[in-house]
N, C-alpha and C. Protein backbone atom coordinates (compact mmCIF):
# COMPACT_ATOMS: atom_id res chain seq x y z
N MET A 1 -8.71 -62.62 -37.32
CA MET A 1 -8.23 -61.32 -36.92
C MET A 1 -9.28 -60.50 -36.24
N GLU A 2 -10.43 -61.15 -35.84
CA GLU A 2 -11.55 -60.42 -35.30
C GLU A 2 -11.18 -59.70 -34.01
N ASN A 3 -10.45 -60.36 -33.13
CA ASN A 3 -10.18 -59.77 -31.82
C ASN A 3 -8.78 -59.23 -31.65
N GLU A 4 -8.06 -59.14 -32.74
CA GLU A 4 -6.68 -58.63 -32.69
C GLU A 4 -6.68 -57.16 -33.10
N ASN A 5 -5.71 -56.41 -32.55
CA ASN A 5 -5.54 -54.99 -33.00
C ASN A 5 -5.13 -55.00 -34.44
N ILE A 6 -5.55 -53.94 -35.16
CA ILE A 6 -5.32 -53.84 -36.57
C ILE A 6 -4.34 -52.71 -36.80
N PRO A 7 -3.09 -53.06 -37.32
CA PRO A 7 -2.12 -51.98 -37.56
C PRO A 7 -2.39 -51.27 -38.86
N VAL A 8 -2.41 -49.95 -38.87
CA VAL A 8 -2.60 -49.12 -40.09
C VAL A 8 -1.58 -48.02 -40.00
N SER A 9 -0.59 -48.00 -40.90
CA SER A 9 0.51 -47.01 -40.89
C SER A 9 1.11 -47.00 -39.50
N ASN A 10 1.13 -45.88 -38.80
CA ASN A 10 1.71 -45.79 -37.49
C ASN A 10 0.65 -45.83 -36.37
N ILE A 11 -0.53 -46.33 -36.72
CA ILE A 11 -1.65 -46.35 -35.78
C ILE A 11 -2.10 -47.78 -35.58
N THR A 12 -2.57 -48.08 -34.37
CA THR A 12 -3.15 -49.37 -34.12
C THR A 12 -4.63 -49.15 -33.80
N ILE A 13 -5.48 -49.84 -34.54
CA ILE A 13 -6.93 -49.70 -34.34
C ILE A 13 -7.44 -50.90 -33.50
N ASN A 14 -8.09 -50.59 -32.41
CA ASN A 14 -8.67 -51.59 -31.57
C ASN A 14 -9.96 -52.10 -32.23
N PRO A 15 -10.06 -53.39 -32.49
CA PRO A 15 -11.29 -53.91 -33.15
C PRO A 15 -12.56 -53.73 -32.31
N GLN A 16 -12.45 -53.43 -31.08
CA GLN A 16 -13.58 -53.20 -30.18
C GLN A 16 -14.02 -51.71 -30.17
N SER A 17 -13.33 -50.89 -30.97
CA SER A 17 -13.71 -49.44 -30.96
C SER A 17 -15.07 -49.27 -31.69
N GLU A 18 -15.68 -48.19 -31.41
CA GLU A 18 -17.02 -47.90 -31.97
C GLU A 18 -16.90 -47.69 -33.51
N ILE A 19 -17.83 -48.27 -34.24
CA ILE A 19 -17.87 -48.14 -35.71
C ILE A 19 -19.17 -47.33 -36.01
N ILE A 20 -19.03 -46.33 -36.79
CA ILE A 20 -20.18 -45.52 -37.21
C ILE A 20 -20.40 -45.69 -38.70
N HIS A 21 -21.55 -46.21 -39.11
CA HIS A 21 -21.86 -46.33 -40.52
C HIS A 21 -22.65 -45.11 -40.93
N THR A 22 -22.44 -44.64 -42.11
CA THR A 22 -23.11 -43.46 -42.55
C THR A 22 -23.55 -43.59 -44.01
N SER A 23 -24.72 -43.02 -44.34
CA SER A 23 -25.20 -43.12 -45.70
C SER A 23 -24.87 -41.86 -46.52
N SER A 24 -24.58 -40.80 -45.84
CA SER A 24 -24.16 -39.55 -46.52
C SER A 24 -23.44 -38.62 -45.54
N VAL A 25 -22.75 -37.64 -46.07
CA VAL A 25 -22.01 -36.72 -45.21
C VAL A 25 -22.31 -35.26 -45.65
N GLY A 26 -22.11 -34.35 -44.72
CA GLY A 26 -22.22 -32.95 -44.99
C GLY A 26 -21.02 -32.24 -44.37
N VAL A 27 -20.66 -31.12 -44.90
CA VAL A 27 -19.51 -30.37 -44.41
C VAL A 27 -19.91 -28.92 -44.14
N GLY A 28 -19.46 -28.38 -43.05
CA GLY A 28 -19.70 -26.97 -42.74
C GLY A 28 -18.57 -26.42 -41.88
N GLY A 29 -18.62 -25.22 -41.47
CA GLY A 29 -17.58 -24.69 -40.64
C GLY A 29 -17.50 -23.18 -40.71
N ASP A 30 -16.44 -22.66 -40.16
CA ASP A 30 -16.19 -21.22 -40.17
C ASP A 30 -14.71 -20.99 -40.39
N SER A 31 -14.22 -19.84 -40.01
CA SER A 31 -12.81 -19.52 -40.33
C SER A 31 -11.81 -20.33 -39.46
N GLU A 32 -12.29 -20.96 -38.41
CA GLU A 32 -11.38 -21.66 -37.44
C GLU A 32 -11.53 -23.19 -37.47
N GLU A 33 -12.73 -23.66 -37.80
CA GLU A 33 -12.89 -25.13 -37.73
C GLU A 33 -13.76 -25.67 -38.84
N ILE A 34 -13.61 -26.94 -39.10
CA ILE A 34 -14.42 -27.64 -40.09
C ILE A 34 -15.25 -28.70 -39.36
N ARG A 35 -16.48 -28.89 -39.77
CA ARG A 35 -17.31 -29.90 -39.17
C ARG A 35 -17.79 -30.86 -40.27
N ILE A 36 -17.59 -32.11 -40.00
CA ILE A 36 -18.13 -33.12 -40.90
C ILE A 36 -19.30 -33.75 -40.20
N LEU A 37 -20.43 -33.73 -40.84
CA LEU A 37 -21.71 -34.28 -40.29
C LEU A 37 -21.99 -35.59 -40.94
N LEU A 38 -22.19 -36.64 -40.14
CA LEU A 38 -22.53 -37.97 -40.67
C LEU A 38 -24.03 -38.18 -40.57
N PHE A 39 -24.64 -38.56 -41.68
CA PHE A 39 -26.06 -38.73 -41.75
C PHE A 39 -26.46 -40.19 -42.07
N ASN A 40 -27.60 -40.59 -41.53
CA ASN A 40 -28.15 -41.89 -41.86
C ASN A 40 -29.61 -41.72 -42.22
N LYS A 41 -30.09 -42.51 -43.18
CA LYS A 41 -31.49 -42.50 -43.56
C LYS A 41 -32.22 -43.44 -42.65
N ARG A 42 -33.42 -43.10 -42.30
CA ARG A 42 -34.26 -43.94 -41.42
C ARG A 42 -35.65 -43.97 -41.97
N ILE A 43 -36.31 -45.09 -41.92
CA ILE A 43 -37.71 -45.22 -42.35
C ILE A 43 -38.59 -45.21 -41.16
N ILE A 44 -39.57 -44.26 -41.23
CA ILE A 44 -40.55 -44.12 -40.14
C ILE A 44 -41.92 -44.52 -40.71
N SER A 45 -42.58 -45.41 -40.00
CA SER A 45 -43.90 -45.85 -40.45
C SER A 45 -44.93 -45.46 -39.40
N GLN A 46 -45.96 -44.69 -39.84
CA GLN A 46 -47.06 -44.32 -38.97
C GLN A 46 -48.35 -44.56 -39.70
N GLU A 47 -49.14 -45.46 -39.16
CA GLU A 47 -50.43 -45.83 -39.78
C GLU A 47 -50.16 -46.29 -41.22
N ASN A 48 -50.72 -45.58 -42.19
CA ASN A 48 -50.53 -45.92 -43.60
C ASN A 48 -49.47 -45.10 -44.29
N LYS A 49 -48.74 -44.34 -43.53
CA LYS A 49 -47.77 -43.44 -44.13
C LYS A 49 -46.35 -43.89 -43.79
N ILE A 50 -45.52 -43.99 -44.84
CA ILE A 50 -44.11 -44.36 -44.65
C ILE A 50 -43.28 -43.16 -45.07
N GLU A 51 -42.34 -42.74 -44.24
CA GLU A 51 -41.52 -41.59 -44.51
C GLU A 51 -40.03 -41.95 -44.33
N ILE A 52 -39.21 -41.46 -45.19
CA ILE A 52 -37.78 -41.63 -45.06
C ILE A 52 -37.19 -40.30 -44.59
N THR A 53 -36.54 -40.35 -43.43
CA THR A 53 -35.91 -39.13 -42.90
C THR A 53 -34.38 -39.32 -42.87
N THR A 54 -33.71 -38.22 -42.81
CA THR A 54 -32.27 -38.21 -42.69
C THR A 54 -31.97 -37.59 -41.33
N GLU A 55 -31.14 -38.27 -40.53
CA GLU A 55 -30.82 -37.76 -39.23
C GLU A 55 -29.36 -37.86 -38.98
N SER A 56 -28.88 -36.96 -38.09
CA SER A 56 -27.45 -36.94 -37.72
C SER A 56 -27.35 -36.72 -36.24
N ASN A 57 -26.58 -37.55 -35.57
CA ASN A 57 -26.26 -37.27 -34.19
C ASN A 57 -24.73 -37.37 -33.94
N THR A 58 -23.98 -37.29 -35.08
CA THR A 58 -22.55 -37.35 -34.99
C THR A 58 -21.90 -36.25 -35.80
N GLN A 59 -20.97 -35.54 -35.17
CA GLN A 59 -20.18 -34.49 -35.87
C GLN A 59 -18.72 -34.75 -35.55
N ILE A 60 -17.90 -34.55 -36.55
CA ILE A 60 -16.45 -34.58 -36.36
C ILE A 60 -15.96 -33.17 -36.52
N VAL A 61 -15.36 -32.61 -35.51
CA VAL A 61 -14.91 -31.22 -35.55
C VAL A 61 -13.38 -31.22 -35.54
N MET A 62 -12.81 -30.45 -36.49
CA MET A 62 -11.33 -30.39 -36.58
C MET A 62 -10.92 -29.03 -37.06
N ASN A 63 -9.62 -28.68 -36.80
CA ASN A 63 -9.11 -27.44 -37.31
C ASN A 63 -8.78 -27.60 -38.78
N LYS A 64 -8.52 -26.49 -39.46
CA LYS A 64 -8.32 -26.50 -40.92
C LYS A 64 -7.09 -27.36 -41.32
N LYS A 65 -6.04 -27.28 -40.48
CA LYS A 65 -4.84 -28.06 -40.77
C LYS A 65 -5.15 -29.58 -40.82
N THR A 66 -5.90 -30.01 -39.82
CA THR A 66 -6.28 -31.42 -39.75
C THR A 66 -7.22 -31.79 -40.89
N ALA A 67 -8.11 -30.92 -41.27
CA ALA A 67 -9.04 -31.16 -42.40
C ALA A 67 -8.23 -31.29 -43.66
N LEU A 68 -7.20 -30.48 -43.89
CA LEU A 68 -6.35 -30.62 -45.08
C LEU A 68 -5.59 -31.95 -45.03
N GLN A 69 -5.15 -32.37 -43.92
CA GLN A 69 -4.47 -33.68 -43.79
C GLN A 69 -5.47 -34.82 -44.15
N LEU A 70 -6.71 -34.68 -43.67
CA LEU A 70 -7.75 -35.67 -43.97
C LEU A 70 -8.00 -35.75 -45.50
N LYS A 71 -8.09 -34.55 -46.10
CA LYS A 71 -8.33 -34.48 -47.52
C LYS A 71 -7.20 -35.17 -48.30
N GLU A 72 -5.96 -34.95 -47.87
CA GLU A 72 -4.80 -35.55 -48.58
C GLU A 72 -4.84 -37.09 -48.35
N LEU A 73 -5.14 -37.53 -47.17
CA LEU A 73 -5.22 -38.99 -46.90
C LEU A 73 -6.31 -39.65 -47.75
N LEU A 74 -7.43 -39.01 -47.85
CA LEU A 74 -8.54 -39.56 -48.62
C LEU A 74 -8.19 -39.61 -50.12
N GLU A 75 -7.57 -38.50 -50.61
CA GLU A 75 -7.14 -38.47 -52.02
C GLU A 75 -6.14 -39.62 -52.35
N ASN A 76 -5.17 -39.76 -51.43
CA ASN A 76 -4.18 -40.85 -51.65
C ASN A 76 -4.81 -42.20 -51.55
N TYR A 77 -5.72 -42.43 -50.63
CA TYR A 77 -6.39 -43.71 -50.47
C TYR A 77 -7.26 -44.01 -51.71
N LEU A 78 -7.98 -43.03 -52.24
CA LEU A 78 -8.87 -43.27 -53.32
C LEU A 78 -8.15 -43.46 -54.66
N GLU A 79 -6.90 -42.95 -54.75
CA GLU A 79 -6.13 -43.15 -55.95
C GLU A 79 -5.66 -44.59 -56.13
N GLU A 80 -5.48 -45.30 -55.00
CA GLU A 80 -4.98 -46.67 -55.03
C GLU A 80 -5.98 -47.65 -55.54
């Protein structure tokens, strides 16, 4: 099923679509929108010093209605 479309509910996921792996998430926003920040840890080595940094170059921005739908979907998925 590697190269076939993946049906999920009423959506078809293209297996060639971009996949983003994340080690942690953050949430922020204001009265109009919610932002989910996806973070990854990275090891940086300089001379004798090794440092672990957390970086993010991906944000998911949505309105509050969509954020509530996402919350509901996650709760339902995690209950199963």
